[in-house]
Amino acid sequence: MKEESLIGGGQIDLLLLASLRRRRLHGYGIIQELRSDGRFELPEGTVYPALYRLERLGLIRSRTEIVGGRQRRVYELTVPGHRAVTERRKSWRRLVAGMDAVLGRA
């Protein structure tokens, strides 16, 4: 079973926000970064709507840049986005610890 089948929208948002924590990326760059270790094969139809939602929420912002003569929308975290990554990582760690505790008893 692929790992992405186990994740929901909240985790996808966290993956996208975390991808932008170190540097600005265009949408396809984010997808490539998530695919780079072979774990998350998220389709564009999942990633782009999530990026638009995160932008509407003010957690990321985008701007159009010309790269190699082509126009690309580049995304970056906002200050609230940086805070959201920190808080969501803490929540994720609590969830994982709880799951490990329950699964360890199974």
PDB file of N, CA and C in Angstrom:
ATOM      1  N   MET A   1       0.851  -1.189   0.000  1.00  0.00           N
ATOM      2  CA  MET A   1       0.000   0.000   0.000  1.00  0.00           C
ATOM      3  C   MET A   1       0.887   1.241   0.000  1.00  0.00           C
ATOM      4  N   LYS A   2       0.600   2.165  -0.883  1.00  0.00           N
ATOM      5  CA  LYS A   2       1.371   3.407  -0.938  1.00  0.00           C
ATOM      6  C   LYS A   2       1.039   4.272   0.278  1.00  0.00           C
ATOM      7  N   GLU A   3       2.064   4.972   0.768  1.00  0.00           N
ATOM      8  CA  GLU A   3       1.883   5.786   1.961  1.00  0.00           C
ATOM      9  C   GLU A   3       0.855   6.893   1.772  1.00  0.00           C
ATOM     10  N   GLU A   4       0.766   7.470   0.552  1.00  0.00           N
ATOM     11  CA  GLU A   4      -0.173   8.588   0.393  1.00  0.00           C
ATOM     12  C   GLU A   4      -1.617   8.163   0.562  1.00  0.00           C
ATOM     13  N   SER A   5      -1.908   6.853   0.428  1.00  0.00           N
ATOM     14  CA  SER A   5      -3.282   6.407   0.645  1.00  0.00           C
ATOM     15  C   SER A   5      -3.650   6.471   2.121  1.00  0.00           C
ATOM     16  N   LEU A   6      -2.664   6.623   2.985  1.00  0.00           N
ATOM     17  CA  LEU A   6      -2.906   6.707   4.419  1.00  0.00           C
ATOM     18  C   LEU A   6      -2.982   8.141   4.927  1.00  0.00           C
ATOM     19  N   ILE A   7      -2.752   9.111   4.052  1.00  0.00           N
ATOM     20  CA  ILE A   7      -2.735  10.489   4.519  1.00  0.00           C
ATOM     21  C   ILE A   7      -3.946  11.249   4.009  1.00  0.00           C
ATOM     22  N   GLY A   8      -4.394  12.183   4.825  1.00  0.00           N
ATOM     23  CA  GLY A   8      -5.531  13.009   4.459  1.00  0.00           C
ATOM     24  C   GLY A   8      -5.094  14.427   4.156  1.00  0.00           C
ATOM     25  N   GLY A   9      -6.084  15.299   4.004  1.00  0.00           N
ATOM     26  CA  GLY A   9      -5.808  16.679   3.624  1.00  0.00           C
ATOM     27  C   GLY A   9      -4.904  17.424   4.579  1.00  0.00           C
ATOM     28  N   GLY A  10      -5.074  17.199   5.879  1.00  0.00           N
ATOM     29  CA  GLY A  10      -4.233  17.887   6.853  1.00  0.00           C
ATOM     30  C   GLY A  10      -2.773  17.520   6.717  1.00  0.00           C
ATOM     31  N   GLN A  11      -2.523  16.244   6.452  1.00  0.00           N
ATOM     32  CA  GLN A  11      -1.142  15.803   6.287  1.00  0.00           C
ATOM     33  C   GLN A  11      -0.565  16.295   4.965  1.00  0.00           C
ATOM     34  N   ILE A  12      -1.383  16.345   3.936  1.00  0.00           N
ATOM     35  CA  ILE A  12      -0.916  16.882   2.652  1.00  0.00           C
ATOM     36  C   ILE A  12      -0.535  18.348   2.825  1.00  0.00           C
ATOM     37  N   ASP A  13      -1.361  19.096   3.530  1.00  0.00           N
ATOM     38  CA  ASP A  13      -1.031  20.498   3.794  1.00  0.00           C
ATOM     39  C   ASP A  13       0.302  20.607   4.523  1.00  0.00           C
ATOM     40  N   LEU A  14       0.518  19.756   5.526  1.00  0.00           N
ATOM     41  CA  LEU A  14       1.773  19.788   6.268  1.00  0.00           C
ATOM     42  C   LEU A  14       2.953  19.464   5.358  1.00  0.00           C
ATOM     43  N   LEU A  15       2.807  18.473   4.491  1.00  0.00           N
ATOM     44  CA  LEU A  15       3.882  18.134   3.554  1.00  0.00           C
ATOM     45  C   LEU A  15       4.209  19.314   2.636  1.00  0.00           C
ATOM     46  N   LEU A  16       3.177  19.993   2.144  1.00  0.00           N
ATOM     47  CA  LEU A  16       3.399  21.137   1.252  1.00  0.00           C
ATOM     48  C   LEU A  16       4.067  22.290   1.995  1.00  0.00           C
ATOM     49  N   LEU A  17       3.565  22.592   3.182  1.00  0.00           N
ATOM     50  CA  LEU A  17       4.156  23.674   3.971  1.00  0.00           C
ATOM     51  C   LEU A  17       5.607  23.362   4.325  1.00  0.00           C
ATOM     52  N   ALA A  18       5.871  22.126   4.727  1.00  0.00           N
ATOM     53  CA  ALA A  18       7.236  21.742   5.092  1.00  0.00           C
ATOM     54  C   ALA A  18       8.170  21.818   3.885  1.00  0.00           C
ATOM     55  N   SER A  19       7.660  21.504   2.704  1.00  0.00           N
ATOM     56  CA  SER A  19       8.480  21.592   1.490  1.00  0.00           C
ATOM     57  C   SER A  19       8.926  23.023   1.221  1.00  0.00           C
ATOM     58  N   LEU A  20       8.112  23.974   1.647  1.00  0.00           N
ATOM     59  CA  LEU A  20       8.420  25.388   1.412  1.00  0.00           C
ATOM     60  C   LEU A  20       9.193  26.024   2.560  1.00  0.00           C
ATOM     61  N   ARG A  21       9.469  25.268   3.582  1.00  0.00           N
ATOM     62  CA  ARG A  21      10.125  25.841   4.760  1.00  0.00           C
ATOM     63  C   ARG A  21      11.539  26.326   4.458  1.00  0.00           C
ATOM     64  N   ARG A  22      12.257  25.622   3.613  1.00  0.00           N
ATOM     65  CA  ARG A  22      13.652  25.973   3.337  1.00  0.00           C
ATOM     66  C   ARG A  22      13.817  26.954   2.184  1.00  0.00           C
ATOM     67  N   ARG A  23      12.896  26.889   1.204  1.00  0.00           N
ATOM     68  CA  ARG A  23      13.080  27.737   0.019  1.00  0.00           C
ATOM     69  C   ARG A  23      11.779  27.854  -0.756  1.00  0.00           C
ATOM     70  N   ARG A  24      11.738  28.846  -1.635  1.00  0.00           N
ATOM     71  CA  ARG A  24      10.598  29.042  -2.522  1.00  0.00           C
ATOM     72  C   ARG A  24      10.654  27.983  -3.608  1.00  0.00           C
ATOM     73  N   LEU A  25       9.487  27.499  -4.017  1.00  0.00           N
ATOM     74  CA  LEU A  25       9.412  26.491  -5.081  1.00  0.00           C
ATOM     75  C   LEU A  25       8.183  26.735  -5.934  1.00  0.00           C
ATOM     76  N   HIS A  26       8.263  26.339  -7.188  1.00  0.00           N
ATOM     77  CA  HIS A  26       7.064  26.327  -8.026  1.00  0.00           C
ATOM     78  C   HIS A  26       6.346  25.002  -7.772  1.00  0.00           C
ATOM     79  N   GLY A  27       5.104  24.908  -8.210  1.00  0.00           N
ATOM     80  CA  GLY A  27       4.279  23.736  -7.913  1.00  0.00           C
ATOM     81  C   GLY A  27       4.914  22.426  -8.308  1.00  0.00           C
ATOM     82  N   TYR A  28       5.448  22.372  -9.524  1.00  0.00           N
ATOM     83  CA  TYR A  28       6.066  21.124  -9.971  1.00  0.00           C
ATOM     84  C   TYR A  28       7.318  20.807  -9.152  1.00  0.00           C
ATOM     85  N   GLY A  29       8.034  21.844  -8.717  1.00  0.00           N
ATOM     86  CA  GLY A  29       9.199  21.641  -7.854  1.00  0.00           C
ATOM     87  C   GLY A  29       8.811  21.012  -6.530  1.00  0.00           C
ATOM     88  N   ILE A  30       7.664  21.424  -5.990  1.00  0.00           N
ATOM     89  CA  ILE A  30       7.163  20.832  -4.747  1.00  0.00           C
ATOM     90  C   ILE A  30       6.842  19.361  -4.976  1.00  0.00           C
ATOM     91  N   ILE A  31       6.154  19.070  -6.073  1.00  0.00           N
ATOM     92  CA  ILE A  31       5.805  17.681  -6.398  1.00  0.00           C
ATOM     93  C   ILE A  31       7.070  16.840  -6.529  1.00  0.00           C
ATOM     94  N   GLN A  32       8.072  17.363  -7.226  1.00  0.00           N
ATOM     95  CA  GLN A  32       9.332  16.626  -7.409  1.00  0.00           C
ATOM     96  C   GLN A  32      10.029  16.393  -6.074  1.00  0.00           C
ATOM     97  N   GLU A  33      10.020  17.389  -5.213  1.00  0.00           N
ATOM     98  CA  GLU A  33      10.657  17.228  -3.906  1.00  0.00           C
ATOM     99  C   GLU A  33       9.968  16.132  -3.100  1.00  0.00           C
ATOM    100  N   LEU A  34       8.645  16.097  -3.140  1.00  0.00           N
ATOM    101  CA  LEU A  34       7.918  15.064  -2.406  1.00  0.00           C
ATOM    102  C   LEU A  34       8.146  13.684  -3.009  1.00  0.00           C
ATOM    103  N   ARG A  35       8.369  13.635  -4.296  1.00  0.00           N
ATOM    104  CA  ARG A  35       8.623  12.356  -4.967  1.00  0.00           C
ATOM    105  C   ARG A  35      10.073  11.905  -4.838  1.00  0.00           C
ATOM    106  N   SER A  36      10.956  12.804  -4.457  1.00  0.00           N
ATOM    107  CA  SER A  36      12.394  12.537  -4.546  1.00  0.00           C
ATOM    108  C   SER A  36      12.844  11.306  -3.776  1.00  0.00           C
ATOM    109  N   ASP A  37      12.209  10.999  -2.675  1.00  0.00           N
ATOM    110  CA  ASP A  37      12.616   9.794  -1.949  1.00  0.00           C
ATOM    111  C   ASP A  37      11.715   8.605  -2.268  1.00  0.00           C
ATOM    112  N   GLY A  38      10.825   8.787  -3.246  1.00  0.00           N
ATOM    113  CA  GLY A  38       9.979   7.683  -3.688  1.00  0.00           C
ATOM    114  C   GLY A  38       8.803   7.372  -2.789  1.00  0.00           C
ATOM    115  N   ARG A  39       8.515   8.217  -1.847  1.00  0.00           N
ATOM    116  CA  ARG A  39       7.438   7.931  -0.899  1.00  0.00           C
ATOM    117  C   ARG A  39       6.086   8.526  -1.283  1.00  0.00           C
ATOM    118  N   PHE A  40       6.077   9.743  -1.753  1.00  0.00           N
ATOM    119  CA  PHE A  40       4.815  10.442  -1.971  1.00  0.00           C
ATOM    120  C   PHE A  40       4.622  10.766  -3.440  1.00  0.00           C
ATOM    121  N   GLU A  41       3.821   9.983  -4.093  1.00  0.00           N
ATOM    122  CA  GLU A  41       3.477  10.198  -5.504  1.00  0.00           C
ATOM    123  C   GLU A  41       2.140  10.940  -5.559  1.00  0.00           C
ATOM    124  N   LEU A  42       2.141  12.167  -5.096  1.00  0.00           N
ATOM    125  CA  LEU A  42       0.904  12.938  -5.054  1.00  0.00           C
ATOM    126  C   LEU A  42       0.608  13.516  -6.428  1.00  0.00           C
ATOM    127  N   PRO A  43      -0.598  13.301  -6.928  1.00  0.00           N
ATOM    128  CA  PRO A  43      -0.939  13.830  -8.251  1.00  0.00           C
ATOM    129  C   PRO A  43      -1.115  15.349  -8.224  1.00  0.00           C
ATOM    130  N   GLU A  44      -0.884  15.953  -9.376  1.00  0.00           N
ATOM    131  CA  GLU A  44      -1.058  17.400  -9.496  1.00  0.00           C
ATOM    132  C   GLU A  44      -2.460  17.821  -9.084  1.00  0.00           C
ATOM    133  N   GLY A  45      -3.445  16.990  -9.366  1.00  0.00           N
ATOM    134  CA  GLY A  45      -4.830  17.290  -9.014  1.00  0.00           C
ATOM    135  C   GLY A  45      -5.079  17.328  -7.520  1.00  0.00           C
ATOM    136  N   THR A  46      -4.144  16.837  -6.742  1.00  0.00           N
ATOM    137  CA  THR A  46      -4.207  16.936  -5.284  1.00  0.00           C
ATOM    138  C   THR A  46      -3.397  18.127  -4.798  1.00  0.00           C
ATOM    139  N   VAL A  47      -2.222  18.303  -5.374  1.00  0.00           N
ATOM    140  CA  VAL A  47      -1.282  19.314  -4.889  1.00  0.00           C
ATOM    141  C   VAL A  47      -1.755  20.736  -5.190  1.00  0.00           C
ATOM    142  N   TYR A  48      -2.145  21.011  -6.426  1.00  0.00           N
ATOM    143  CA  TYR A  48      -2.481  22.395  -6.783  1.00  0.00           C
ATOM    144  C   TYR A  48      -3.707  22.931  -6.041  1.00  0.00           C
ATOM    145  N   PRO A  49      -4.793  22.174  -5.905  1.00  0.00           N
ATOM    146  CA  PRO A  49      -5.900  22.701  -5.095  1.00  0.00           C
ATOM    147  C   PRO A  49      -5.487  22.969  -3.644  1.00  0.00           C
ATOM    148  N   ALA A  50      -4.615  22.121  -3.101  1.00  0.00           N
ATOM    149  CA  ALA A  50      -4.139  22.346  -1.732  1.00  0.00           C
ATOM    150  C   ALA A  50      -3.300  23.623  -1.662  1.00  0.00           C
ATOM    151  N   LEU A  51      -2.462  23.863  -2.664  1.00  0.00           N
ATOM    152  CA  LEU A  51      -1.678  25.101  -2.692  1.00  0.00           C
ATOM    153  C   LEU A  51      -2.591  26.320  -2.759  1.00  0.00           C
ATOM    154  N   TYR A  52      -3.620  26.263  -3.599  1.00  0.00           N
ATOM    155  CA  TYR A  52      -4.556  27.393  -3.703  1.00  0.00           C
ATOM    156  C   TYR A  52      -5.265  27.628  -2.373  1.00  0.00           C
ATOM    157  N   ARG A  53      -5.653  26.543  -1.693  1.00  0.00           N
ATOM    158  CA  ARG A  53      -6.326  26.660  -0.396  1.00  0.00           C
ATOM    159  C   ARG A  53      -5.377  27.277   0.641  1.00  0.00           C
ATOM    160  N   LEU A  54      -4.131  26.814   0.685  1.00  0.00           N
ATOM    161  CA  LEU A  54      -3.161  27.356   1.635  1.00  0.00           C
ATOM    162  C   LEU A  54      -2.897  28.835   1.368  1.00  0.00           C
ATOM    163  N   GLU A  55      -2.928  29.217   0.102  1.00  0.00           N
ATOM    164  CA  GLU A  55      -2.749  30.632  -0.233  1.00  0.00           C
ATOM    165  C   GLU A  55      -3.951  31.451   0.235  1.00  0.00           C
ATOM    166  N   ARG A  56      -5.151  30.939   0.023  1.00  0.00           N
ATOM    167  CA  ARG A  56      -6.352  31.646   0.497  1.00  0.00           C
ATOM    168  C   ARG A  56      -6.337  31.801   2.018  1.00  0.00           C
ATOM    169  N   LEU A  57      -5.773  30.817   2.714  1.00  0.00           N
ATOM    170  CA  LEU A  57      -5.688  30.866   4.174  1.00  0.00           C
ATOM    171  C   LEU A  57      -4.571  31.786   4.669  1.00  0.00           C
ATOM    172  N   GLY A  58      -3.756  32.284   3.752  1.00  0.00           N
ATOM    173  CA  GLY A  58      -2.670  33.181   4.125  1.00  0.00           C
ATOM    174  C   GLY A  58      -1.433  32.476   4.664  1.00  0.00           C
ATOM    175  N   LEU A  59      -1.334  31.160   4.466  1.00  0.00           N
ATOM    176  CA  LEU A  59      -0.179  30.411   4.962  1.00  0.00           C
ATOM    177  C   LEU A  59       0.972  30.402   3.962  1.00  0.00           C
ATOM    178  N   ILE A  60       0.645  30.606   2.685  1.00  0.00           N
ATOM    179  CA  ILE A  60       1.664  30.752   1.647  1.00  0.00           C
ATOM    180  C   ILE A  60       1.254  31.921   0.761  1.00  0.00           C
ATOM    181  N   ARG A  61       2.200  32.405  -0.010  1.00  0.00           N
ATOM    182  CA  ARG A  61       1.899  33.420  -1.024  1.00  0.00           C
ATOM    183  C   ARG A  61       2.619  32.997  -2.293  1.00  0.00           C
ATOM    184  N   SER A  62       2.141  33.507  -3.389  1.00  0.00           N
ATOM    185  CA  SER A  62       2.768  33.158  -4.662  1.00  0.00           C
ATOM    186  C   SER A  62       3.013  34.418  -5.467  1.00  0.00           C
ATOM    187  N   ARG A  63       3.918  34.275  -6.403  1.00  0.00           N
ATOM    188  CA  ARG A  63       4.155  35.341  -7.371  1.00  0.00           C
ATOM    189  C   ARG A  63       4.623  34.683  -8.657  1.00  0.00           C
ATOM    190  N   THR A  64       4.413  35.377  -9.727  1.00  0.00           N
ATOM    191  CA  THR A  64       4.800  34.863 -11.034  1.00  0.00           C
ATOM    192  C   THR A  64       6.220  35.308 -11.334  1.00  0.00           C
ATOM    193  N   GLU A  65       7.035  34.355 -11.770  1.00  0.00           N
ATOM    194  CA  GLU A  65       8.412  34.644 -12.161  1.00  0.00           C
ATOM    195  C   GLU A  65       8.660  34.044 -13.532  1.00  0.00           C
ATOM    196  N   ILE A  66       9.589  34.634 -14.249  1.00  0.00           N
ATOM    197  CA  ILE A  66      10.012  34.092 -15.538  1.00  0.00           C
ATOM    198  C   ILE A  66      11.277  33.274 -15.288  1.00  0.00           C
ATOM    199  N   VAL A  67      11.215  31.996 -15.601  1.00  0.00           N
ATOM    200  CA  VAL A  67      12.352  31.088 -15.421  1.00  0.00           C
ATOM    201  C   VAL A  67      12.604  30.407 -16.760  1.00  0.00           C
ATOM    202  N   GLY A  68      13.784  30.626 -17.320  1.00  0.00           N
ATOM    203  CA  GLY A  68      14.107  30.017 -18.611  1.00  0.00           C
ATOM    204  C   GLY A  68      13.142  30.425 -19.705  1.00  0.00           C
ATOM    205  N   GLY A  69      12.661  31.668 -19.644  1.00  0.00           N
ATOM    206  CA  GLY A  69      11.731  32.163 -20.645  1.00  0.00           C
ATOM    207  C   GLY A  69      10.295  31.715 -20.437  1.00  0.00           C
ATOM    208  N   ARG A  70      10.064  30.946 -19.374  1.00  0.00           N
ATOM    209  CA  ARG A  70       8.704  30.461 -19.092  1.00  0.00           C
ATOM    210  C   ARG A  70       8.181  31.090 -17.804  1.00  0.00           C
ATOM    211  N   GLN A  71       6.893  31.339 -17.803  1.00  0.00           N
ATOM    212  CA  GLN A  71       6.249  31.918 -16.642  1.00  0.00           C
ATOM    213  C   GLN A  71       5.900  30.803 -15.657  1.00  0.00           C
ATOM    214  N   ARG A  72       6.283  31.003 -14.382  1.00  0.00           N
ATOM    215  CA  ARG A  72       5.975  30.023 -13.338  1.00  0.00           C
ATOM    216  C   ARG A  72       5.465  30.741 -12.106  1.00  0.00           C
ATOM    217  N   ARG A  73       4.553  30.086 -11.422  1.00  0.00           N
ATOM    218  CA  ARG A  73       4.071  30.602 -10.144  1.00  0.00           C
ATOM    219  C   ARG A  73       4.936  29.977  -9.058  1.00  0.00           C
ATOM    220  N   VAL A  74       5.592  30.825  -8.279  1.00  0.00           N
ATOM    221  CA  VAL A  74       6.497  30.375  -7.230  1.00  0.00           C
ATOM    222  C   VAL A  74       5.836  30.642  -5.881  1.00  0.00           C
ATOM    223  N   TYR A  75       5.895  29.645  -4.999  1.00  0.00           N
ATOM    224  CA  TYR A  75       5.245  29.714  -3.690  1.00  0.00           C
ATOM    225  C   TYR A  75       6.286  29.861  -2.590  1.00  0.00           C
ATOM    226  N   GLU A  76       5.892  30.580  -1.534  1.00  0.00           N
ATOM    227  CA  GLU A  76       6.737  30.694  -0.351  1.00  0.00           C
ATOM    228  C   GLU A  76       5.852  30.807   0.882  1.00  0.00           C
ATOM    229  N   LEU A  77       6.425  30.433   2.022  1.00  0.00           N
ATOM    230  CA  LEU A  77       5.690  30.531   3.278  1.00  0.00           C
ATOM    231  C   LEU A  77       5.558  31.981   3.713  1.00  0.00           C
ATOM    232  N   THR A  78       4.461  32.281   4.362  1.00  0.00           N
ATOM    233  CA  THR A  78       4.286  33.561   5.037  1.00  0.00           C
ATOM    234  C   THR A  78       4.689  33.358   6.499  1.00  0.00           C
ATOM    235  N   VAL A  79       4.696  34.419   7.277  1.00  0.00           N
ATOM    236  CA  VAL A  79       4.989  34.290   8.712  1.00  0.00           C
ATOM    237  C   VAL A  79       3.976  33.355   9.374  1.00  0.00           C
ATOM    238  N   PRO A  80       2.664  33.526   9.126  1.00  0.00           N
ATOM    239  CA  PRO A  80       1.720  32.554   9.692  1.00  0.00           C
ATOM    240  C   PRO A  80       1.971  31.130   9.183  1.00  0.00           C
ATOM    241  N   GLY A  81       2.463  31.001   7.964  1.00  0.00           N
ATOM    242  CA  GLY A  81       2.778  29.684   7.419  1.00  0.00           C
ATOM    243  C   GLY A  81       3.907  29.011   8.174  1.00  0.00           C
ATOM    244  N   HIS A  82       4.927  29.785   8.529  1.00  0.00           N
ATOM    245  CA  HIS A  82       6.028  29.236   9.332  1.00  0.00           C
ATOM    246  C   HIS A  82       5.510  28.756  10.685  1.00  0.00           C
ATOM    247  N   ARG A  83       4.643  29.553  11.302  1.00  0.00           N
ATOM    248  CA  ARG A  83       4.064  29.146  12.593  1.00  0.00           C
ATOM    249  C   ARG A  83       3.223  27.891  12.428  1.00  0.00           C
ATOM    250  N   ALA A  84       2.470  27.824  11.338  1.00  0.00           N
ATOM    251  CA  ALA A  84       1.613  26.660  11.096  1.00  0.00           C
ATOM    252  C   ALA A  84       2.433  25.384  10.945  1.00  0.00           C
ATOM    253  N   VAL A  85       3.575  25.459  10.262  1.00  0.00           N
ATOM    254  CA  VAL A  85       4.432  24.274  10.118  1.00  0.00           C
ATOM    255  C   VAL A  85       4.869  23.786  11.493  1.00  0.00           C
ATOM    256  N   THR A  86       5.310  24.709  12.330  1.00  0.00           N
ATOM    257  CA  THR A  86       5.776  24.336  13.667  1.00  0.00           C
ATOM    258  C   THR A  86       4.663  23.672  14.468  1.00  0.00           C
ATOM    259  N   GLU A  87       3.484  24.282  14.481  1.00  0.00           N
ATOM    260  CA  GLU A  87       2.368  23.731  15.249  1.00  0.00           C
ATOM    261  C   GLU A  87       1.886  22.397  14.682  1.00  0.00           C
ATOM    262  N   ARG A  88       1.792  22.303  13.377  1.00  0.00           N
ATOM    263  CA  ARG A  88       1.310  21.063  12.760  1.00  0.00           C
ATOM    264  C   ARG A  88       2.311  19.930  12.930  1.00  0.00           C
ATOM    265  N   ARG A  89       3.596  20.239  12.955  1.00  0.00           N
ATOM    266  CA  ARG A  89       4.598  19.196  13.219  1.00  0.00           C
ATOM    267  C   ARG A  89       4.447  18.667  14.636  1.00  0.00           C
ATOM    268  N   LYS A  90       4.199  19.555  15.586  1.00  0.00           N
ATOM    269  CA  LYS A  90       3.972  19.117  16.972  1.00  0.00           C
ATOM    270  C   LYS A  90       2.746  18.217  17.046  1.00  0.00           C
ATOM    271  N   SER A  91       1.674  18.624  16.393  1.00  0.00           N
ATOM    272  CA  SER A  91       0.452  17.810  16.382  1.00  0.00           C
ATOM    273  C   SER A  91       0.708  16.461  15.731  1.00  0.00           C
ATOM    274  N   TRP A  92       1.457  16.453  14.638  1.00  0.00           N
ATOM    275  CA  TRP A  92       1.777  15.201  13.940  1.00  0.00           C
ATOM    276  C   TRP A  92       2.564  14.265  14.861  1.00  0.00           C
ATOM    277  N   ARG A  93       3.538  14.808  15.563  1.00  0.00           N
ATOM    278  CA  ARG A  93       4.347  13.980  16.470  1.00  0.00           C
ATOM    279  C   ARG A  93       3.495  13.389  17.592  1.00  0.00           C
ATOM    280  N   ARG A  94       2.542  14.169  18.110  1.00  0.00           N
ATOM    281  CA  ARG A  94       1.643  13.631  19.142  1.00  0.00           C
ATOM    282  C   ARG A  94       0.792  12.507  18.573  1.00  0.00           C
ATOM    283  N   LEU A  95       0.287  12.691  17.359  1.00  0.00           N
ATOM    284  CA  LEU A  95      -0.515  11.657  16.712  1.00  0.00           C
ATOM    285  C   LEU A  95       0.301  10.388  16.505  1.00  0.00           C
ATOM    286  N   VAL A  96       1.520  10.528  16.012  1.00  0.00           N
ATOM    287  CA  VAL A  96       2.380   9.362  15.771  1.00  0.00           C
ATOM    288  C   VAL A  96       2.683   8.643  17.081  1.00  0.00           C
ATOM    289  N   ALA A  97       2.973   9.390  18.134  1.00  0.00           N
ATOM    290  CA  ALA A  97       3.249   8.769  19.431  1.00  0.00           C
ATOM    291  C   ALA A  97       2.031   7.996  19.926  1.00  0.00           C
ATOM    292  N   GLY A  98       0.851   8.574  19.765  1.00  0.00           N
ATOM    293  CA  GLY A  98      -0.374   7.884  20.165  1.00  0.00           C
ATOM    294  C   GLY A  98      -0.623   6.635  19.341  1.00  0.00           C
ATOM    295  N   MET A  99      -0.420   6.737  18.038  1.00  0.00           N
ATOM    296  CA  MET A  99      -0.591   5.571  17.160  1.00  0.00           C
ATOM    297  C   MET A  99       0.402   4.474  17.524  1.00  0.00           C
ATOM    298  N   ASP A 100       1.658   4.853  17.768  1.00  0.00           N
ATOM    299  CA  ASP A 100       2.669   3.867  18.154  1.00  0.00           C
ATOM    300  C   ASP A 100       2.279   3.158  19.444  1.00  0.00           C
ATOM    301  N   ALA A 101       1.737   3.922  20.395  1.00  0.00           N
ATOM    302  CA  ALA A 101       1.328   3.318  21.663  1.00  0.00           C
ATOM    303  C   ALA A 101       0.218   2.296  21.445  1.00  0.00           C
ATOM    304  N   VAL A 102      -0.764   2.659  20.643  1.00  0.00           N
ATOM    305  CA  VAL A 102      -1.888   1.749  20.385  1.00  0.00           C
ATOM    306  C   VAL A 102      -1.435   0.555  19.555  1.00  0.00           C
ATOM    307  N   LEU A 103      -0.697   0.797  18.490  1.00  0.00           N
ATOM    308  CA  LEU A 103      -0.258  -0.291  17.616  1.00  0.00           C
ATOM    309  C   LEU A 103       0.731  -1.214  18.312  1.00  0.00           C
ATOM    310  N   GLY A 104       1.488  -0.674  19.247  1.00  0.00           N
ATOM    311  CA  GLY A 104       2.429  -1.497  20.001  1.00  0.00           C
ATOM    312  C   GLY A 104       1.724  -2.512  20.880  1.00  0.00           C
ATOM    313  N   ARG A 105       0.475  -2.219  21.242  1.00  0.00           N
ATOM    314  CA  ARG A 105      -0.312  -3.143  22.071  1.00  0.00           C
ATOM    315  C   ARG A 105      -1.055  -4.157  21.232  1.00  0.00           C
ATOM    316  N   ALA A 106      -1.121  -3.922  19.913  1.00  0.00           N
ATOM    317  CA  ALA A 106      -1.909  -4.809  19.041  1.00  0.00           C
ATOM    318  C   ALA A 106      -1.202  -6.125  18.789  1.00  0.00           C
TER     319      ALA A 106
END
